[in-house]
């Protein structure tokens, strides 16, 4: 049995198909857990937008594009561009007190406005 932290560590290579499937299962479980307490969808988000929003809001630091893609879309034909389109759509619906920050080439991070001002 491989340690969950080792599987979810982005630097864990080479990854076997069994490890990749385990990683997908772990990420899906985490997303489902994050969505359980949500009684209603905030800001009129679609189900995939809400899944991505809740995933980002529940994590600290930047989350890589590939991890977001796997968490939201699984191992489908989806590309990193799908994540970018979802983030763009979420940003249009968020109130002025919330932001999704992008660290180009690294990923996205959810932040409240005071955190954005402190980072500047």
Protein backbone atom coordinates (compact mmCIF):
# COMPACT_ATOMS: atom_id res chain seq x y z
CA UNK A 1 0.00 0.00 0.00
CA UNK A 2 1.41 3.36 -1.02
CA UNK A 3 1.16 6.32 1.33
CA UNK A 4 -1.56 8.83 0.33
CA UNK A 5 0.80 11.79 0.78
CA UNK A 6 3.36 10.14 -1.47
CA UNK A 7 0.75 9.55 -4.18
CA UNK A 8 -0.55 13.11 -4.04
CA UNK A 9 2.97 14.56 -4.06
CA UNK A 10 3.48 16.02 -7.51
CA UNK A 11 7.16 15.00 -7.51
CA UNK A 12 6.37 11.28 -7.16
CA UNK A 13 7.64 9.69 -10.38
CA UNK A 14 7.63 7.25 -12.07
CA UNK A 15 3.97 6.57 -11.48
CA UNK A 16 2.41 3.26 -12.38
CA UNK A 17 -1.12 2.98 -13.73
CA UNK A 18 -2.25 1.55 -10.40
CA UNK A 19 -0.76 4.56 -8.57
CA UNK A 20 -2.43 6.95 -11.02
CA UNK A 21 -5.80 5.28 -10.50
CA UNK A 22 -5.32 5.45 -6.74
CA UNK A 23 -4.48 9.17 -7.03
CA UNK A 24 -7.66 9.81 -9.03
CA UNK A 25 -9.73 7.94 -6.44
CA UNK A 26 -8.16 9.90 -3.58
CA UNK A 27 -8.71 13.24 -5.31
CA UNK A 28 -12.33 12.39 -6.11
CA UNK A 29 -12.94 11.37 -2.48
CA UNK A 30 -11.52 14.69 -1.29
CA UNK A 31 -13.67 16.66 -3.71
CA UNK A 32 -16.79 14.72 -2.69
CA UNK A 33 -15.99 15.38 0.98
CA UNK A 34 -15.59 19.09 0.26
CA UNK A 35 -18.94 19.20 -1.51
CA UNK A 36 -20.94 17.35 1.17
CA UNK A 37 -21.46 20.33 3.52
CA UNK A 38 -22.52 22.55 0.62
CA UNK A 39 -26.32 22.68 0.79
CA UNK A 40 -26.72 25.09 -2.09
CA UNK A 41 -24.36 26.08 -4.84
CA UNK A 42 -22.88 29.55 -4.24
CA UNK A 43 -23.00 32.35 -6.80
CA UNK A 44 -24.98 30.35 -9.36
CA UNK A 45 -22.02 28.10 -10.26
CA UNK A 46 -22.49 25.04 -12.45
CA UNK A 47 -21.67 21.64 -10.86
CA UNK A 48 -18.13 21.52 -12.37
CA UNK A 49 -17.50 25.17 -11.48
CA UNK A 50 -18.66 24.47 -7.94
CA UNK A 51 -16.42 21.41 -7.70
CA UNK A 52 -13.40 23.43 -8.80
CA UNK A 53 -14.33 26.37 -6.54
CA UNK A 54 -14.74 24.14 -3.47
CA UNK A 55 -11.51 22.29 -4.28
CA UNK A 56 -9.51 25.52 -4.52
CA UNK A 57 -11.16 27.04 -1.46
CA UNK A 58 -10.32 23.95 0.60
CA UNK A 59 -6.59 24.05 -0.17
CA UNK A 60 -3.75 26.31 0.86
CA UNK A 61 -1.21 27.51 -1.65
CA UNK A 62 -1.25 27.08 -5.39
CA UNK A 63 -2.70 23.91 -6.90
CA UNK A 64 -1.14 22.70 -10.18
CA UNK A 65 -3.27 22.69 -13.34
CA UNK A 66 -2.92 18.93 -13.82
CA UNK A 67 -4.14 18.16 -10.30
CA UNK A 68 -7.17 20.43 -10.81
CA UNK A 69 -7.92 18.81 -14.17
CA UNK A 70 -7.83 15.31 -12.67
CA UNK A 71 -9.93 16.34 -9.67
CA UNK A 72 -12.65 17.97 -11.76
CA UNK A 73 -12.59 16.09 -15.07
CA UNK A 74 -10.77 12.83 -14.26
CA UNK A 75 -8.64 11.14 -16.90
CA UNK A 76 -10.78 12.18 -19.82
CA UNK A 77 -10.02 14.13 -22.95
CA UNK A 78 -9.95 17.30 -20.84
CA UNK A 79 -6.90 19.55 -21.08
CA UNK A 80 -5.51 22.30 -18.87
CA UNK A 81 -7.48 24.68 -21.08
CA UNK A 82 -10.71 23.21 -19.66
CA UNK A 83 -9.56 24.27 -16.19
CA UNK A 84 -8.72 27.75 -17.47
CA UNK A 85 -12.19 28.12 -18.99
CA UNK A 86 -13.84 27.00 -15.74
CA UNK A 87 -11.71 29.45 -13.72
CA UNK A 88 -12.62 32.28 -16.10
CA UNK A 89 -16.31 31.48 -15.69
CA UNK A 90 -16.01 31.26 -11.88
CA UNK A 91 -14.16 34.58 -11.68
CA UNK A 92 -17.03 36.34 -13.45
CA UNK A 93 -19.48 35.02 -10.84
CA UNK A 94 -17.44 35.61 -7.67
CA UNK A 95 -18.19 38.59 -5.42
CA UNK A 96 -15.54 41.33 -5.09
CA UNK A 97 -14.41 39.85 -1.75
CA UNK A 98 -13.06 36.65 -3.34
CA UNK A 99 -10.41 36.01 -5.98
CA UNK A 100 -8.81 33.11 -7.78
CA UNK A 101 -5.15 33.94 -8.22
CA UNK A 102 -2.99 32.51 -10.99
CA UNK A 103 0.72 31.82 -10.73
CA UNK A 104 1.53 31.38 -14.40
CA UNK A 105 2.93 27.93 -15.11
CA UNK A 106 2.15 26.68 -11.61
CA UNK A 107 -1.59 26.78 -10.97
CA UNK A 108 -4.38 28.55 -9.15
CA UNK A 109 -5.17 29.61 -5.59
CA UNK A 110 -8.35 30.90 -3.93
CA UNK A 111 -7.92 34.03 -1.81
CA UNK A 112 -10.03 36.59 -0.01
CA UNK A 113 -9.46 40.27 -0.78
CA UNK A 114 -7.42 41.00 2.40
CA UNK A 115 -5.00 38.19 1.40
CA UNK A 116 -4.68 39.70 -2.07
CA UNK A 117 -3.79 43.10 -0.61
CA UNK A 118 -1.23 41.58 1.79
CA UNK A 119 0.46 39.69 -1.05
CA UNK A 120 0.90 42.86 -3.10
